[in-house]
């Protein structure tokens, strides 16, 4: 499969609303200058669904608990097409410690070439890791395997911090672009989201 077109390119900028209805400019700025920190920008299908809630909470916990997330001072930013009120509820209910953005007109989705997953029934779950210079270094698209995204970011942060060591372990890094393996086994959590998507498929065919 061809690499994502943004790999090794400057991360596109955009301005959309955050969960408070305020305009959020990406990339974020401090003192009028782009922040020089790595960024994990993750696009997910829908706030409040099982898989998306688990993924969002895993990023929340990683920021609080994972040493490499703390050491790298990575910025985590979530994006979905949901409207501002739903994003606000999602953030408050799950005590999310990072910005969650409302991309209802799909401005950011278009800028980052976010496609469809699960036979077109939902937006693809896609995560971008952007280095401190604003360059996209890694992309993962895995709609069903929501638990893989924090692991992917962890590995990409290690590569950014120590590129030489990461190259020595390239066979374990998953590459710069990871794609979902449709043959991989699923546990109860993945099956729960399959059930959700199955209901969506029934609604579409009804």
N, C-alpha and C. Protein backbone atom coordinates (compact mmCIF):
# COMPACT_ATOMS: atom_id res chain seq x y z
N UNK A 1 0.84 -1.19 0.00
CA UNK A 1 0.00 0.00 0.00
C UNK A 1 0.88 1.25 0.00
N UNK A 2 0.49 2.23 -0.80
CA UNK A 2 1.27 3.46 -0.90
C UNK A 2 1.27 4.20 0.43
N UNK A 3 2.39 4.83 0.76
CA UNK A 3 2.44 5.60 2.01
C UNK A 3 1.48 6.77 1.98
N UNK A 4 1.08 7.20 3.16
CA UNK A 4 0.19 8.35 3.24
C UNK A 4 0.88 9.56 2.62
N UNK A 5 0.16 10.38 1.86
CA UNK A 5 0.79 11.51 1.16
C UNK A 5 1.43 12.55 2.07
N UNK A 6 1.09 12.54 3.36
CA UNK A 6 1.64 13.55 4.26
C UNK A 6 2.92 13.11 4.96
N UNK A 7 3.33 11.86 4.80
CA UNK A 7 4.54 11.38 5.45
C UNK A 7 5.73 12.24 5.02
N UNK A 8 6.49 12.73 6.01
CA UNK A 8 7.66 13.58 5.80
C UNK A 8 7.32 14.93 5.19
N UNK A 9 6.06 15.32 5.29
CA UNK A 9 5.63 16.64 4.82
C UNK A 9 5.22 17.49 6.03
N UNK A 10 5.16 18.79 5.82
CA UNK A 10 4.70 19.68 6.89
C UNK A 10 3.23 19.43 7.18
N UNK A 11 2.90 19.34 8.45
CA UNK A 11 1.51 19.08 8.85
C UNK A 11 0.62 20.24 8.43
N UNK A 12 -0.49 19.97 7.75
CA UNK A 12 -1.39 21.04 7.30
C UNK A 12 -1.98 21.81 8.49
N UNK A 13 -2.20 23.08 8.28
CA UNK A 13 -2.82 23.92 9.31
C UNK A 13 -4.33 23.96 9.10
N UNK A 14 -5.06 24.24 10.17
CA UNK A 14 -6.51 24.40 10.09
C UNK A 14 -7.00 25.14 11.33
N UNK A 15 -8.21 25.65 11.26
CA UNK A 15 -8.84 26.31 12.40
C UNK A 15 -10.27 25.80 12.51
N UNK A 16 -10.57 25.14 13.63
CA UNK A 16 -11.92 24.63 13.88
C UNK A 16 -12.24 24.85 15.36
N UNK A 17 -13.44 24.50 15.78
CA UNK A 17 -13.87 24.75 17.16
C UNK A 17 -13.42 23.66 18.11
N UNK A 18 -13.09 24.05 19.34
CA UNK A 18 -12.81 23.07 20.37
C UNK A 18 -14.10 22.75 21.13
N UNK A 19 -13.99 21.99 22.20
CA UNK A 19 -15.19 21.54 22.92
C UNK A 19 -15.89 22.66 23.68
N UNK A 20 -15.24 23.82 23.77
CA UNK A 20 -15.87 24.98 24.41
C UNK A 20 -16.44 25.96 23.39
N UNK A 21 -16.34 25.61 22.11
CA UNK A 21 -16.83 26.49 21.07
C UNK A 21 -15.85 27.58 20.68
N UNK A 22 -14.64 27.54 21.25
CA UNK A 22 -13.61 28.51 20.90
C UNK A 22 -12.84 28.03 19.67
N UNK A 23 -12.34 28.98 18.88
CA UNK A 23 -11.55 28.62 17.70
C UNK A 23 -10.19 28.07 18.12
N UNK A 24 -9.86 26.90 17.59
CA UNK A 24 -8.58 26.25 17.88
C UNK A 24 -7.75 26.28 16.61
N UNK A 25 -6.59 26.92 16.68
CA UNK A 25 -5.70 26.98 15.52
C UNK A 25 -4.67 25.86 15.59
N UNK A 26 -4.54 25.13 14.49
CA UNK A 26 -3.54 24.07 14.42
C UNK A 26 -2.55 24.41 13.30
N UNK A 27 -1.25 24.29 13.57
CA UNK A 27 -0.66 23.84 14.83
C UNK A 27 -0.78 24.90 15.92
N UNK A 28 -0.81 24.45 17.17
CA UNK A 28 -0.95 25.39 18.28
C UNK A 28 0.25 26.35 18.34
N UNK A 29 0.02 27.50 18.93
CA UNK A 29 1.08 28.50 19.05
C UNK A 29 1.27 28.90 20.51
N UNK A 30 2.49 29.31 20.81
CA UNK A 30 2.81 29.89 22.12
C UNK A 30 3.62 31.15 21.86
N UNK A 31 3.14 32.28 22.35
CA UNK A 31 3.84 33.53 22.13
C UNK A 31 3.94 33.91 20.66
N UNK A 32 2.93 33.54 19.89
CA UNK A 32 2.92 33.89 18.47
C UNK A 32 3.74 32.99 17.59
N UNK A 33 4.34 31.93 18.16
CA UNK A 33 5.15 30.99 17.39
C UNK A 33 4.61 29.57 17.55
N UNK A 34 4.78 28.76 16.51
CA UNK A 34 4.34 27.37 16.57
C UNK A 34 5.07 26.66 17.70
N UNK A 35 4.33 25.88 18.47
CA UNK A 35 4.95 25.15 19.57
C UNK A 35 5.95 24.14 19.01
N UNK A 36 7.09 24.05 19.64
CA UNK A 36 8.12 23.11 19.19
C UNK A 36 8.07 21.87 20.07
N UNK A 37 6.98 21.15 19.93
CA UNK A 37 6.76 19.91 20.66
C UNK A 37 6.16 18.88 19.71
N UNK A 38 6.40 17.59 19.96
CA UNK A 38 5.72 16.58 19.15
C UNK A 38 4.22 16.61 19.42
N UNK A 39 3.46 16.22 18.41
CA UNK A 39 2.00 16.24 18.50
C UNK A 39 1.44 14.89 18.05
N UNK A 40 0.50 14.36 18.82
CA UNK A 40 -0.27 13.19 18.41
C UNK A 40 -1.67 13.68 18.07
N UNK A 41 -1.98 13.71 16.79
CA UNK A 41 -3.27 14.20 16.30
C UNK A 41 -4.08 12.99 15.87
N UNK A 42 -5.14 12.67 16.64
CA UNK A 42 -5.90 11.47 16.30
C UNK A 42 -7.33 11.80 15.89
N UNK A 43 -7.70 11.27 14.73
CA UNK A 43 -9.06 11.40 14.20
C UNK A 43 -9.82 10.13 14.55
N UNK A 44 -11.03 10.29 15.07
CA UNK A 44 -11.83 9.12 15.45
C UNK A 44 -13.26 9.33 14.95
N UNK A 45 -14.02 8.25 14.77
CA UNK A 45 -15.33 8.35 14.10
C UNK A 45 -16.42 9.10 14.86
N UNK A 46 -16.62 8.78 16.16
CA UNK A 46 -17.78 9.37 16.84
C UNK A 46 -17.61 9.37 18.35
N UNK A 47 -17.74 10.52 18.96
CA UNK A 47 -17.67 10.63 20.41
C UNK A 47 -18.80 9.85 21.07
N UNK A 48 -18.46 9.18 22.17
CA UNK A 48 -19.46 8.47 22.95
C UNK A 48 -19.63 7.01 22.58
N UNK A 49 -19.11 6.59 21.42
CA UNK A 49 -19.19 5.17 21.08
C UNK A 49 -18.13 4.40 21.86
N UNK A 50 -18.30 3.09 21.92
CA UNK A 50 -17.44 2.28 22.78
C UNK A 50 -15.96 2.44 22.43
N UNK A 51 -15.62 2.16 21.17
CA UNK A 51 -14.22 2.19 20.77
C UNK A 51 -13.60 3.57 20.88
N UNK A 52 -14.34 4.58 20.50
CA UNK A 52 -13.80 5.95 20.54
C UNK A 52 -13.61 6.42 21.98
N UNK A 53 -14.49 6.03 22.86
CA UNK A 53 -14.33 6.37 24.27
C UNK A 53 -13.11 5.69 24.86
N UNK A 54 -12.94 4.40 24.53
CA UNK A 54 -11.76 3.68 25.02
C UNK A 54 -10.48 4.32 24.50
N UNK A 55 -10.46 4.64 23.22
CA UNK A 55 -9.26 5.25 22.65
C UNK A 55 -8.95 6.58 23.32
N UNK A 56 -9.96 7.43 23.47
CA UNK A 56 -9.75 8.74 24.08
C UNK A 56 -9.24 8.62 25.51
N UNK A 57 -9.78 7.67 26.25
CA UNK A 57 -9.34 7.47 27.64
C UNK A 57 -7.94 6.88 27.71
N UNK A 58 -7.58 6.06 26.73
CA UNK A 58 -6.22 5.52 26.69
C UNK A 58 -5.20 6.63 26.45
N UNK A 59 -5.54 7.60 25.61
CA UNK A 59 -4.64 8.74 25.43
C UNK A 59 -4.57 9.58 26.71
N UNK A 60 -5.71 9.76 27.37
CA UNK A 60 -5.72 10.49 28.65
C UNK A 60 -4.79 9.82 29.66
N UNK A 61 -4.91 8.51 29.77
CA UNK A 61 -4.10 7.78 30.74
C UNK A 61 -2.62 7.78 30.36
N UNK A 62 -2.34 7.71 29.06
CA UNK A 62 -0.95 7.72 28.62
C UNK A 62 -0.27 9.04 28.99
N UNK A 63 -0.98 10.14 28.85
CA UNK A 63 -0.42 11.44 29.22
C UNK A 63 -0.07 11.50 30.70
N UNK A 64 -0.86 10.82 31.51
CA UNK A 64 -0.66 10.85 32.96
C UNK A 64 0.34 9.81 33.45
N UNK A 65 0.47 8.71 32.71
CA UNK A 65 1.20 7.57 33.24
C UNK A 65 2.44 7.16 32.44
N UNK A 66 2.44 7.33 31.14
CA UNK A 66 3.55 6.83 30.33
C UNK A 66 4.73 7.80 30.37
N UNK A 67 5.89 7.27 30.71
CA UNK A 67 7.07 8.10 30.88
C UNK A 67 7.44 8.84 29.60
N UNK A 68 7.35 8.17 28.46
CA UNK A 68 7.77 8.81 27.21
C UNK A 68 6.81 9.93 26.82
N UNK A 69 5.55 9.81 27.18
CA UNK A 69 4.60 10.90 26.93
C UNK A 69 4.98 12.12 27.77
N UNK A 70 5.38 11.87 29.02
CA UNK A 70 5.78 12.98 29.89
C UNK A 70 7.10 13.58 29.44
N UNK A 71 8.07 12.71 29.14
CA UNK A 71 9.41 13.18 28.80
C UNK A 71 9.43 13.98 27.49
N UNK A 72 8.64 13.54 26.53
CA UNK A 72 8.61 14.23 25.23
C UNK A 72 7.74 15.48 25.25
N UNK A 73 6.90 15.61 26.30
CA UNK A 73 5.97 16.75 26.40
C UNK A 73 5.04 16.81 25.19
N UNK A 74 4.65 15.63 24.71
CA UNK A 74 3.80 15.54 23.53
C UNK A 74 2.44 16.19 23.76
N UNK A 75 1.93 16.84 22.73
CA UNK A 75 0.58 17.39 22.76
C UNK A 75 -0.36 16.38 22.10
N UNK A 76 -1.42 16.00 22.78
CA UNK A 76 -2.42 15.10 22.22
C UNK A 76 -3.65 15.92 21.85
N UNK A 77 -4.16 15.69 20.65
CA UNK A 77 -5.34 16.42 20.17
C UNK A 77 -6.26 15.44 19.46
N UNK A 78 -7.52 15.40 19.88
CA UNK A 78 -8.50 14.53 19.25
C UNK A 78 -9.43 15.31 18.34
N UNK A 79 -9.87 14.66 17.25
CA UNK A 79 -10.76 15.31 16.28
C UNK A 79 -11.82 14.32 15.81
N UNK A 80 -13.07 14.77 15.80
CA UNK A 80 -14.15 13.97 15.20
C UNK A 80 -15.16 14.94 14.58
N UNK A 81 -16.09 14.44 13.76
CA UNK A 81 -17.08 15.32 13.13
C UNK A 81 -18.20 15.78 14.05
N UNK A 82 -18.19 15.36 15.31
CA UNK A 82 -19.29 15.69 16.22
C UNK A 82 -19.38 17.19 16.50
N UNK A 83 -20.58 17.65 16.80
CA UNK A 83 -20.81 19.06 17.09
C UNK A 83 -20.25 19.43 18.47
N UNK A 84 -20.07 20.72 18.69
CA UNK A 84 -19.45 21.22 19.91
C UNK A 84 -20.14 20.72 21.19
N UNK A 85 -21.47 20.77 21.32
CA UNK A 85 -22.09 20.31 22.57
C UNK A 85 -21.77 18.85 22.89
N UNK A 86 -21.73 18.01 21.87
CA UNK A 86 -21.41 16.60 22.10
C UNK A 86 -19.95 16.44 22.52
N UNK A 87 -19.07 17.24 21.93
CA UNK A 87 -17.66 17.18 22.32
C UNK A 87 -17.48 17.64 23.77
N UNK A 88 -18.22 18.67 24.15
CA UNK A 88 -18.11 19.17 25.53
C UNK A 88 -18.53 18.08 26.52
N UNK A 89 -19.63 17.42 26.23
CA UNK A 89 -20.11 16.34 27.09
C UNK A 89 -19.10 15.21 27.15
N UNK A 90 -18.53 14.87 26.00
CA UNK A 90 -17.55 13.79 25.90
C UNK A 90 -16.32 14.10 26.75
N UNK A 91 -15.83 15.31 26.65
CA UNK A 91 -14.65 15.72 27.42
C UNK A 91 -14.94 15.71 28.91
N UNK A 92 -16.07 16.27 29.31
CA UNK A 92 -16.40 16.36 30.73
C UNK A 92 -16.67 14.99 31.34
N UNK A 93 -17.42 14.16 30.63
CA UNK A 93 -17.77 12.85 31.16
C UNK A 93 -16.54 11.97 31.38
N UNK A 94 -15.58 12.06 30.46
CA UNK A 94 -14.40 11.20 30.52
C UNK A 94 -13.17 11.90 31.09
N UNK A 95 -13.36 13.14 31.56
CA UNK A 95 -12.27 13.90 32.19
C UNK A 95 -11.02 13.93 31.29
N UNK A 96 -11.23 14.26 30.04
CA UNK A 96 -10.12 14.29 29.09
C UNK A 96 -9.27 15.54 29.34
N UNK A 97 -7.97 15.36 29.34
CA UNK A 97 -7.03 16.41 29.72
C UNK A 97 -6.40 17.12 28.52
N UNK A 98 -6.93 16.89 27.34
CA UNK A 98 -6.35 17.46 26.12
C UNK A 98 -7.48 17.98 25.23
N UNK A 99 -7.16 18.80 24.24
CA UNK A 99 -8.22 19.36 23.38
C UNK A 99 -8.92 18.30 22.53
N UNK A 100 -10.23 18.41 22.45
CA UNK A 100 -11.04 17.59 21.55
C UNK A 100 -11.79 18.56 20.64
N UNK A 101 -11.60 18.41 19.34
CA UNK A 101 -12.09 19.40 18.38
C UNK A 101 -13.30 18.91 17.61
N UNK A 102 -14.13 19.86 17.22
CA UNK A 102 -15.34 19.59 16.44
C UNK A 102 -15.08 19.95 14.98
N UNK A 103 -15.03 18.92 14.14
CA UNK A 103 -14.76 19.13 12.71
C UNK A 103 -16.02 18.82 11.91
N UNK A 104 -17.10 19.51 12.25
CA UNK A 104 -18.41 19.20 11.66
C UNK A 104 -18.46 19.46 10.16
N UNK A 105 -17.65 20.40 9.67
CA UNK A 105 -17.63 20.64 8.22
C UNK A 105 -16.47 19.91 7.54
N UNK A 106 -15.75 19.10 8.32
CA UNK A 106 -14.68 18.21 7.83
C UNK A 106 -13.50 18.98 7.22
N UNK A 107 -13.26 20.17 7.73
CA UNK A 107 -12.10 20.94 7.27
C UNK A 107 -10.80 20.19 7.53
N UNK A 108 -10.62 19.73 8.76
CA UNK A 108 -9.40 19.01 9.12
C UNK A 108 -9.35 17.64 8.46
N UNK A 109 -10.50 16.95 8.38
CA UNK A 109 -10.54 15.64 7.72
C UNK A 109 -10.04 15.74 6.28
N UNK A 110 -10.47 16.78 5.58
CA UNK A 110 -10.04 16.95 4.18
C UNK A 110 -8.56 17.29 4.11
N UNK A 111 -8.09 18.15 5.01
CA UNK A 111 -6.69 18.55 4.99
C UNK A 111 -5.76 17.36 5.23
N UNK A 112 -6.23 16.39 6.01
CA UNK A 112 -5.40 15.23 6.35
C UNK A 112 -5.81 13.96 5.60
N UNK A 113 -6.64 14.13 4.58
CA UNK A 113 -7.03 13.01 3.70
C UNK A 113 -7.57 11.82 4.48
N UNK A 114 -8.48 12.09 5.42
CA UNK A 114 -9.09 11.02 6.20
C UNK A 114 -10.18 10.37 5.35
N UNK A 115 -10.03 9.09 5.12
CA UNK A 115 -10.99 8.37 4.30
C UNK A 115 -12.06 7.68 5.14
N UNK A 116 -12.63 6.63 4.59
CA UNK A 116 -13.67 5.86 5.26
C UNK A 116 -13.11 4.51 5.70
N UNK A 117 -13.68 3.98 6.78
CA UNK A 117 -13.33 2.65 7.25
C UNK A 117 -14.56 1.78 7.31
N UNK A 118 -14.35 0.50 7.56
CA UNK A 118 -15.47 -0.44 7.72
C UNK A 118 -16.47 -0.34 6.57
N UNK A 119 -15.95 -0.55 5.34
CA UNK A 119 -16.80 -0.59 4.14
C UNK A 119 -17.58 0.71 3.95
N UNK A 120 -17.00 1.81 4.38
CA UNK A 120 -17.64 3.10 4.18
C UNK A 120 -18.70 3.46 5.19
N UNK A 121 -18.84 2.65 6.24
CA UNK A 121 -19.88 2.90 7.24
C UNK A 121 -19.48 3.96 8.26
N UNK A 122 -18.19 4.24 8.36
CA UNK A 122 -17.72 5.18 9.37
C UNK A 122 -16.44 5.84 8.88
N UNK A 123 -16.08 6.96 9.48
CA UNK A 123 -14.79 7.57 9.16
C UNK A 123 -13.66 6.69 9.65
N UNK A 124 -12.56 6.72 8.95
CA UNK A 124 -11.40 5.94 9.36
C UNK A 124 -10.82 6.51 10.66
N UNK A 125 -10.37 5.61 11.52
CA UNK A 125 -9.69 6.01 12.76
C UNK A 125 -8.20 6.15 12.41
N UNK A 126 -7.72 7.37 12.40
CA UNK A 126 -6.37 7.63 11.89
C UNK A 126 -5.60 8.55 12.84
N UNK A 127 -4.36 8.17 13.13
CA UNK A 127 -3.52 8.94 14.03
C UNK A 127 -2.26 9.41 13.31
N UNK A 128 -1.93 10.68 13.52
CA UNK A 128 -0.72 11.27 12.94
C UNK A 128 0.23 11.65 14.07
N UNK A 129 1.50 11.31 13.91
CA UNK A 129 2.52 11.76 14.85
C UNK A 129 3.38 12.78 14.12
N UNK A 130 3.44 13.97 14.70
CA UNK A 130 4.12 15.12 14.10
C UNK A 130 5.28 15.51 15.01
N UNK A 131 6.46 15.67 14.44
CA UNK A 131 7.61 15.97 15.30
C UNK A 131 7.65 17.44 15.70
N UNK A 132 8.66 17.79 16.48
CA UNK A 132 8.75 19.14 17.04
C UNK A 132 9.00 20.20 15.97
N UNK A 133 9.34 19.78 14.77
CA UNK A 133 9.55 20.71 13.65
C UNK A 133 8.31 20.84 12.77
N UNK A 134 7.22 20.18 13.15
CA UNK A 134 5.99 20.28 12.39
C UNK A 134 5.89 19.33 11.22
N UNK A 135 6.74 18.30 11.18
CA UNK A 135 6.77 17.34 10.08
C UNK A 135 6.04 16.05 10.48
N UNK A 136 5.18 15.56 9.60
CA UNK A 136 4.47 14.31 9.86
C UNK A 136 5.45 13.15 9.74
N UNK A 137 5.67 12.43 10.83
CA UNK A 137 6.64 11.33 10.85
C UNK A 137 5.99 9.96 10.85
N UNK A 138 4.74 9.87 11.25
CA UNK A 138 4.09 8.57 11.28
C UNK A 138 2.59 8.69 11.15
N UNK A 139 1.98 7.70 10.48
CA UNK A 139 0.53 7.67 10.30
C UNK A 139 0.04 6.25 10.55
N UNK A 140 -1.00 6.11 11.34
CA UNK A 140 -1.65 4.81 11.53
C UNK A 140 -3.12 4.94 11.22
N UNK A 141 -3.63 4.01 10.41
CA UNK A 141 -5.07 3.94 10.15
C UNK A 141 -5.54 2.56 10.55
N UNK A 142 -6.32 2.48 11.61
CA UNK A 142 -6.83 1.21 12.12
C UNK A 142 -8.17 1.49 12.78
N UNK A 143 -9.24 1.27 12.05
CA UNK A 143 -10.56 1.65 12.53
C UNK A 143 -11.04 0.77 13.66
N UNK A 144 -10.88 -0.54 13.54
CA UNK A 144 -11.38 -1.45 14.57
C UNK A 144 -10.44 -1.55 15.76
N UNK A 145 -9.14 -1.54 15.49
CA UNK A 145 -8.17 -1.77 16.56
C UNK A 145 -7.82 -0.46 17.26
N UNK A 146 -8.78 0.05 18.03
CA UNK A 146 -8.58 1.35 18.69
C UNK A 146 -7.45 1.33 19.70
N UNK A 147 -7.17 0.17 20.28
CA UNK A 147 -6.12 0.07 21.30
C UNK A 147 -4.72 0.20 20.72
N UNK A 148 -4.59 0.08 19.40
CA UNK A 148 -3.27 0.12 18.78
C UNK A 148 -2.71 1.54 18.68
N UNK A 149 -3.56 2.54 18.79
CA UNK A 149 -3.11 3.90 18.48
C UNK A 149 -2.18 4.48 19.53
N UNK A 150 -2.44 4.26 20.80
CA UNK A 150 -1.51 4.75 21.83
C UNK A 150 -0.18 4.02 21.72
N UNK A 151 -0.22 2.72 21.43
CA UNK A 151 1.02 1.96 21.25
C UNK A 151 1.81 2.52 20.08
N UNK A 152 1.11 2.85 19.00
CA UNK A 152 1.78 3.41 17.83
C UNK A 152 2.45 4.74 18.17
N UNK A 153 1.74 5.60 18.88
CA UNK A 153 2.31 6.90 19.25
C UNK A 153 3.52 6.70 20.15
N UNK A 154 3.44 5.75 21.08
CA UNK A 154 4.57 5.46 21.98
C UNK A 154 5.82 5.11 21.18
N UNK A 155 5.68 4.25 20.19
CA UNK A 155 6.83 3.85 19.37
C UNK A 155 7.35 5.01 18.53
N UNK A 156 6.43 5.81 18.00
CA UNK A 156 6.85 6.94 17.17
C UNK A 156 7.58 7.99 18.00
N UNK A 157 7.14 8.21 19.23
CA UNK A 157 7.83 9.16 20.11
C UNK A 157 9.24 8.68 20.41
N UNK A 158 9.40 7.38 20.60
CA UNK A 158 10.73 6.82 20.84
C UNK A 158 11.63 7.05 19.63
N UNK A 159 11.08 6.91 18.43
CA UNK A 159 11.86 7.13 17.21
C UNK A 159 12.25 8.60 17.07
N UNK A 160 11.34 9.49 17.43
CA UNK A 160 11.64 10.92 17.34
C UNK A 160 12.74 11.30 18.32
N UNK A 161 12.68 10.74 19.54
CA UNK A 161 13.65 11.09 20.56
C UNK A 161 15.01 10.47 20.31
N UNK A 162 15.03 9.28 19.72
CA UNK A 162 16.29 8.58 19.50
C UNK A 162 16.24 7.85 18.17
N UNK A 163 16.39 8.58 17.06
CA UNK A 163 16.23 7.98 15.73
C UNK A 163 17.17 6.81 15.47
N UNK A 164 18.41 6.90 15.92
CA UNK A 164 19.38 5.83 15.66
C UNK A 164 18.98 4.53 16.34
N UNK A 165 18.56 4.63 17.60
CA UNK A 165 18.14 3.43 18.33
C UNK A 165 16.89 2.86 17.70
N UNK A 166 16.00 3.73 17.25
CA UNK A 166 14.75 3.27 16.65
C UNK A 166 15.00 2.51 15.36
N UNK A 167 16.02 2.95 14.58
CA UNK A 167 16.33 2.26 13.34
C UNK A 167 16.81 0.85 13.61
N UNK A 168 17.54 0.66 14.72
CA UNK A 168 18.02 -0.67 15.06
C UNK A 168 16.88 -1.62 15.37
N UNK A 169 15.73 -1.05 15.75
CA UNK A 169 14.57 -1.87 16.11
C UNK A 169 13.44 -1.68 15.11
N UNK A 170 13.80 -1.40 13.86
CA UNK A 170 12.79 -1.07 12.85
C UNK A 170 11.79 -2.19 12.65
N UNK A 171 12.26 -3.43 12.81
CA UNK A 171 11.34 -4.54 12.60
C UNK A 171 10.27 -4.60 13.67
N UNK A 172 10.44 -3.87 14.79
CA UNK A 172 9.45 -3.87 15.85
C UNK A 172 8.67 -2.56 15.91
N UNK A 173 8.98 -1.63 15.00
CA UNK A 173 8.40 -0.29 15.09
C UNK A 173 7.07 -0.15 14.39
N UNK A 174 6.75 -1.10 13.52
CA UNK A 174 5.51 -1.01 12.76
C UNK A 174 5.62 -0.08 11.57
N UNK A 175 6.83 0.49 11.34
CA UNK A 175 7.00 1.36 10.18
C UNK A 175 6.40 2.73 10.43
N UNK A 176 6.61 3.61 9.47
CA UNK A 176 6.09 4.96 9.59
C UNK A 176 4.59 5.00 9.37
N UNK A 177 4.07 4.02 8.64
CA UNK A 177 2.63 3.98 8.41
C UNK A 177 2.14 2.58 8.72
N UNK A 178 1.27 2.47 9.69
CA UNK A 178 0.68 1.19 10.05
C UNK A 178 -0.72 1.12 9.51
N UNK A 179 -1.08 -0.05 8.98
CA UNK A 179 -2.42 -0.28 8.48
C UNK A 179 -3.07 -1.39 9.30
N UNK A 180 -4.36 -1.36 9.38
CA UNK A 180 -5.09 -2.35 10.14
C UNK A 180 -4.96 -3.71 9.49
N UNK A 181 -4.72 -4.75 10.29
CA UNK A 181 -4.65 -6.12 9.79
C UNK A 181 -6.01 -6.77 9.97
N UNK A 182 -6.75 -6.99 8.88
CA UNK A 182 -8.10 -7.53 9.02
C UNK A 182 -8.13 -8.96 9.51
N UNK A 183 -6.97 -9.64 9.52
CA UNK A 183 -6.94 -11.03 9.97
C UNK A 183 -6.57 -11.15 11.43
N UNK A 184 -6.21 -10.04 12.07
CA UNK A 184 -5.77 -10.12 13.45
C UNK A 184 -6.94 -10.46 14.36
N UNK A 185 -6.67 -11.24 15.44
CA UNK A 185 -7.76 -11.63 16.34
C UNK A 185 -8.31 -10.44 17.08
N UNK A 186 -9.57 -10.51 17.44
CA UNK A 186 -10.19 -9.43 18.20
C UNK A 186 -10.66 -9.96 19.53
N UNK A 187 -10.54 -9.09 20.55
CA UNK A 187 -11.02 -9.45 21.87
C UNK A 187 -12.40 -8.90 22.10
N UNK A 188 -12.89 -8.96 23.35
CA UNK A 188 -14.23 -8.47 23.67
C UNK A 188 -14.43 -7.02 23.30
N UNK A 189 -13.39 -6.17 23.49
CA UNK A 189 -13.56 -4.76 23.20
C UNK A 189 -13.77 -4.51 21.72
N UNK A 190 -12.98 -5.18 20.87
CA UNK A 190 -13.15 -5.01 19.44
C UNK A 190 -14.49 -5.56 19.00
N UNK A 191 -14.93 -6.66 19.61
CA UNK A 191 -16.22 -7.23 19.24
C UNK A 191 -17.36 -6.29 19.60
N UNK A 192 -17.20 -5.55 20.69
CA UNK A 192 -18.24 -4.60 21.08
C UNK A 192 -18.41 -3.54 20.01
N UNK A 193 -17.29 -3.07 19.46
CA UNK A 193 -17.43 -2.05 18.42
C UNK A 193 -17.95 -2.67 17.13
N UNK A 194 -17.61 -3.94 16.87
CA UNK A 194 -18.17 -4.60 15.69
C UNK A 194 -19.69 -4.63 15.78
N UNK A 195 -20.21 -4.87 16.99
CA UNK A 195 -21.66 -4.90 17.16
C UNK A 195 -22.24 -3.52 16.85
N UNK A 196 -21.57 -2.45 17.31
CA UNK A 196 -22.05 -1.09 17.02
C UNK A 196 -22.10 -0.84 15.53
N UNK A 197 -21.04 -1.24 14.83
CA UNK A 197 -20.98 -1.00 13.40
C UNK A 197 -21.97 -1.88 12.65
N UNK A 198 -22.24 -3.07 13.22
CA UNK A 198 -23.24 -3.93 12.61
C UNK A 198 -24.62 -3.29 12.65
N UNK A 199 -24.92 -2.63 13.77
CA UNK A 199 -26.20 -1.92 13.87
C UNK A 199 -26.27 -0.78 12.86
N UNK A 200 -25.12 -0.11 12.68
CA UNK A 200 -25.09 0.98 11.70
C UNK A 200 -25.34 0.45 10.30
N UNK A 201 -24.76 -0.72 10.00
CA UNK A 201 -24.95 -1.31 8.69
C UNK A 201 -26.41 -1.67 8.46
N UNK A 202 -27.08 -2.18 9.50
CA UNK A 202 -28.49 -2.52 9.37
C UNK A 202 -29.32 -1.26 9.12
N UNK A 203 -28.93 -0.16 9.79
CA UNK A 203 -29.67 1.09 9.61
C UNK A 203 -29.52 1.60 8.18
N UNK A 204 -28.31 1.44 7.62
CA UNK A 204 -28.07 1.91 6.26
C UNK A 204 -28.87 1.10 5.26
N UNK A 205 -28.97 -0.21 5.49
CA UNK A 205 -29.65 -1.09 4.54
C UNK A 205 -31.16 -1.06 4.70
N UNK A 206 -31.65 -0.53 5.84
CA UNK A 206 -33.09 -0.51 6.10
C UNK A 206 -33.82 0.45 5.18
